[in-house]
């Protein structure tokens, strides 16, 4: 049972790390592309929602990454499972909000935009 908990914890921690913004390459190659694909899907139904969808998708991947990494680490290193405390959730949310501010700036500068706008010449 301990081996299964440690393996599960390791997988959760790895997936969480891949979704968390803790290094430049996960953010650049995992989170942001997932957020943009999410926004493309949403904007296919409602174009004005692209900017908000990028932010929401990015934020969701970050929060999910922190939660999975935290839970995975707990399972990997703890002797028993503990509930996810409110303080831990708040810390994960605050870090994600800081990274979200950066994405909003990229949207406002026009670096990130709907898919078809990359090919449209002004």
C-alpha atoms as a PDB file:
ATOM      1  CA  UNK A   1       0.000   0.000   0.000  1.00  0.00           C
ATOM      2  CA  UNK A   2       2.849   2.407   0.783  1.00  0.00           C
ATOM      3  CA  UNK A   3       4.462   1.729  -2.605  1.00  0.00           C
ATOM      4  CA  UNK A   4       1.207   2.468  -4.419  1.00  0.00           C
ATOM      5  CA  UNK A   5       0.778   5.725  -2.442  1.00  0.00           C
ATOM      6  CA  UNK A   6       4.360   6.768  -3.247  1.00  0.00           C
ATOM      7  CA  UNK A   7       3.984   5.953  -6.959  1.00  0.00           C
ATOM      8  CA  UNK A   8       0.687   7.815  -7.139  1.00  0.00           C
ATOM      9  CA  UNK A   9       2.209  10.717  -5.245  1.00  0.00           C
ATOM     10  CA  UNK A  10       5.198  10.794  -7.588  1.00  0.00           C
ATOM     11  CA  UNK A  11       2.995  10.860 -10.675  1.00  0.00           C
ATOM     12  CA  UNK A  12       0.766  13.584  -9.194  1.00  0.00           C
ATOM     13  CA  UNK A  13       3.801  15.662  -8.182  1.00  0.00           C
ATOM     14  CA  UNK A  14       5.345  15.301 -11.661  1.00  0.00           C
ATOM     15  CA  UNK A  15       2.137  16.277 -13.474  1.00  0.00           C
ATOM     16  CA  UNK A  16       1.673  19.123 -10.992  1.00  0.00           C
ATOM     17  CA  UNK A  17       5.206  20.359 -11.630  1.00  0.00           C
ATOM     18  CA  UNK A  18       4.603  20.228 -15.370  1.00  0.00           C
ATOM     19  CA  UNK A  19       1.516  22.419 -14.916  1.00  0.00           C
ATOM     20  CA  UNK A  20       3.020  24.755 -12.311  1.00  0.00           C
ATOM     21  CA  UNK A  21       4.891  27.913 -13.309  1.00  0.00           C
ATOM     22  CA  UNK A  22       7.970  27.020 -11.245  1.00  0.00           C
ATOM     23  CA  UNK A  23      10.392  27.072 -14.134  1.00  0.00           C
ATOM     24  CA  UNK A  24      10.449  29.073 -17.340  1.00  0.00           C
ATOM     25  CA  UNK A  25      10.136  26.107 -19.666  1.00  0.00           C
ATOM     26  CA  UNK A  26       6.958  24.633 -18.130  1.00  0.00           C
ATOM     27  CA  UNK A  27       5.320  28.004 -18.379  1.00  0.00           C
ATOM     28  CA  UNK A  28       6.489  28.662 -21.918  1.00  0.00           C
ATOM     29  CA  UNK A  29       5.947  25.154 -23.289  1.00  0.00           C
ATOM     30  CA  UNK A  30       3.078  23.731 -21.210  1.00  0.00           C
ATOM     31  CA  UNK A  31       0.884  26.268 -19.404  1.00  0.00           C
ATOM     32  CA  UNK A  32       0.716  29.038 -21.954  1.00  0.00           C
ATOM     33  CA  UNK A  33       0.048  26.726 -24.925  1.00  0.00           C
ATOM     34  CA  UNK A  34      -2.691  24.959 -22.941  1.00  0.00           C
ATOM     35  CA  UNK A  35      -4.202  28.334 -22.021  1.00  0.00           C
ATOM     36  CA  UNK A  36      -4.113  29.532 -25.632  1.00  0.00           C
ATOM     37  CA  UNK A  37      -5.697  26.318 -26.933  1.00  0.00           C
ATOM     38  CA  UNK A  38      -8.370  26.709 -24.254  1.00  0.00           C
ATOM     39  CA  UNK A  39      -8.927  30.313 -25.388  1.00  0.00           C
ATOM     40  CA  UNK A  40      -9.075  29.280 -29.053  1.00  0.00           C
ATOM     41  CA  UNK A  41     -11.795  26.769 -28.192  1.00  0.00           C
ATOM     42  CA  UNK A  42     -13.777  29.319 -26.205  1.00  0.00           C
ATOM     43  CA  UNK A  43     -13.304  32.073 -28.811  1.00  0.00           C
ATOM     44  CA  UNK A  44     -14.520  29.719 -31.535  1.00  0.00           C
ATOM     45  CA  UNK A  45     -17.941  30.125 -29.904  1.00  0.00           C
ATOM     46  CA  UNK A  46     -17.571  33.701 -28.640  1.00  0.00           C
ATOM     47  CA  UNK A  47     -14.668  35.726 -30.130  1.00  0.00           C
ATOM     48  CA  UNK A  48     -14.659  38.571 -27.571  1.00  0.00           C
ATOM     49  CA  UNK A  49     -13.895  36.051 -24.815  1.00  0.00           C
ATOM     50  CA  UNK A  50     -10.375  35.277 -26.084  1.00  0.00           C
ATOM     51  CA  UNK A  51      -8.424  37.514 -23.675  1.00  0.00           C
ATOM     52  CA  UNK A  52     -10.398  36.452 -20.637  1.00  0.00           C
ATOM     53  CA  UNK A  53     -10.140  32.814 -21.697  1.00  0.00           C
ATOM     54  CA  UNK A  54      -6.354  32.940 -21.973  1.00  0.00           C
ATOM     55  CA  UNK A  55      -6.163  34.361 -18.473  1.00  0.00           C
ATOM     56  CA  UNK A  56      -8.680  31.855 -17.110  1.00  0.00           C
ATOM     57  CA  UNK A  57      -7.024  28.897 -18.836  1.00  0.00           C
ATOM     58  CA  UNK A  58      -3.564  29.948 -17.690  1.00  0.00           C
ATOM     59  CA  UNK A  59      -4.765  30.516 -14.163  1.00  0.00           C
ATOM     60  CA  UNK A  60      -6.529  27.153 -14.069  1.00  0.00           C
ATOM     61  CA  UNK A  61      -3.421  25.279 -15.250  1.00  0.00           C
ATOM     62  CA  UNK A  62      -1.303  27.025 -12.620  1.00  0.00           C
ATOM     63  CA  UNK A  63      -3.676  26.380  -9.755  1.00  0.00           C
ATOM     64  CA  UNK A  64      -4.190  22.776 -10.859  1.00  0.00           C
ATOM     65  CA  UNK A  65      -0.413  22.362 -11.078  1.00  0.00           C
ATOM     66  CA  UNK A  66       0.169  23.679  -7.575  1.00  0.00           C
ATOM     67  CA  UNK A  67      -2.641  21.566  -6.129  1.00  0.00           C
ATOM     68  CA  UNK A  68      -1.437  18.372  -7.850  1.00  0.00           C
ATOM     69  CA  UNK A  69       2.166  19.041  -6.867  1.00  0.00           C
ATOM     70  CA  UNK A  70       1.193  19.667  -3.265  1.00  0.00           C
ATOM     71  CA  UNK A  71      -1.029  16.592  -3.020  1.00  0.00           C
ATOM     72  CA  UNK A  72       1.560  14.462  -4.817  1.00  0.00           C
ATOM     73  CA  UNK A  73       4.306  15.633  -2.477  1.00  0.00           C
ATOM     74  CA  UNK A  74       2.128  14.869   0.520  1.00  0.00           C
ATOM     75  CA  UNK A  75       1.447  11.345  -0.729  1.00  0.00           C
ATOM     76  CA  UNK A  76       5.071  10.813  -1.653  1.00  0.00           C
ATOM     77  CA  UNK A  77       6.648  11.970   1.613  1.00  0.00           C
ATOM     78  CA  UNK A  78       3.961  11.725   4.306  1.00  0.00           C
ATOM     79  CA  UNK A  79       3.182   8.584   6.254  1.00  0.00           C
ATOM     80  CA  UNK A  80      -0.558   9.266   5.891  1.00  0.00           C
ATOM     81  CA  UNK A  81      -2.810  11.445   3.733  1.00  0.00           C
ATOM     82  CA  UNK A  82      -3.689  14.874   5.137  1.00  0.00           C
ATOM     83  CA  UNK A  83      -6.418  17.239   3.974  1.00  0.00           C
ATOM     84  CA  UNK A  84      -5.424  20.228   1.846  1.00  0.00           C
ATOM     85  CA  UNK A  85      -5.397  23.162   4.306  1.00  0.00           C
ATOM     86  CA  UNK A  86      -6.936  26.565   3.603  1.00  0.00           C
ATOM     87  CA  UNK A  87      -3.575  28.322   4.064  1.00  0.00           C
ATOM     88  CA  UNK A  88      -1.969  26.081   1.447  1.00  0.00           C
ATOM     89  CA  UNK A  89      -4.776  26.785  -1.013  1.00  0.00           C
ATOM     90  CA  UNK A  90      -4.420  30.543  -0.466  1.00  0.00           C
ATOM     91  CA  UNK A  91      -0.665  30.417  -1.120  1.00  0.00           C
ATOM     92  CA  UNK A  92      -1.223  28.493  -4.357  1.00  0.00           C
ATOM     93  CA  UNK A  93      -3.868  31.012  -5.445  1.00  0.00           C
ATOM     94  CA  UNK A  94      -1.656  34.037  -4.672  1.00  0.00           C
ATOM     95  CA  UNK A  95       1.293  32.686  -6.658  1.00  0.00           C
ATOM     96  CA  UNK A  96      -1.040  31.941  -9.564  1.00  0.00           C
ATOM     97  CA  UNK A  97      -2.442  35.473  -9.447  1.00  0.00           C
ATOM     98  CA  UNK A  98       1.065  36.930  -9.756  1.00  0.00           C
ATOM     99  CA  UNK A  99       1.732  34.871 -12.869  1.00  0.00           C
ATOM    100  CA  UNK A 100      -1.691  35.798 -14.212  1.00  0.00           C
ATOM    101  CA  UNK A 101      -0.777  39.478 -14.009  1.00  0.00           C
ATOM    102  CA  UNK A 102       2.113  38.735 -16.363  1.00  0.00           C
ATOM    103  CA  UNK A 103      -0.230  37.057 -18.866  1.00  0.00           C
ATOM    104  CA  UNK A 104      -2.608  40.036 -18.758  1.00  0.00           C
ATOM    105  CA  UNK A 105       0.324  42.297 -19.634  1.00  0.00           C
ATOM    106  CA  UNK A 106       1.228  40.052 -22.610  1.00  0.00           C
ATOM    107  CA  UNK A 107      -2.389  40.200 -23.788  1.00  0.00           C
ATOM    108  CA  UNK A 108      -2.504  43.994 -23.515  1.00  0.00           C
ATOM    109  CA  UNK A 109       0.757  44.313 -25.442  1.00  0.00           C
ATOM    110  CA  UNK A 110      -0.711  42.167 -28.241  1.00  0.00           C
ATOM    111  CA  UNK A 111       1.838  39.381 -27.890  1.00  0.00           C
ATOM    112  CA  UNK A 112      -0.966  36.860 -27.345  1.00  0.00           C
ATOM    113  CA  UNK A 113      -3.974  36.989 -29.667  1.00  0.00           C
ATOM    114  CA  UNK A 114      -6.597  34.758 -31.323  1.00  0.00           C
ATOM    115  CA  UNK A 115      -5.208  32.157 -33.726  1.00  0.00           C
ATOM    116  CA  UNK A 116      -6.464  33.740 -36.938  1.00  0.00           C
ATOM    117  CA  UNK A 117      -5.013  37.128 -35.933  1.00  0.00           C
ATOM    118  CA  UNK A 118      -1.480  35.747 -36.192  1.00  0.00           C
ATOM    119  CA  UNK A 119      -1.960  35.421 -39.948  1.00  0.00           C
ATOM    120  CA  UNK A 120      -3.997  38.577 -40.552  1.00  0.00           C
ATOM    121  CA  UNK A 121      -2.016  41.551 -41.806  1.00  0.00           C
ATOM    122  CA  UNK A 122      -3.178  44.932 -40.503  1.00  0.00           C
END
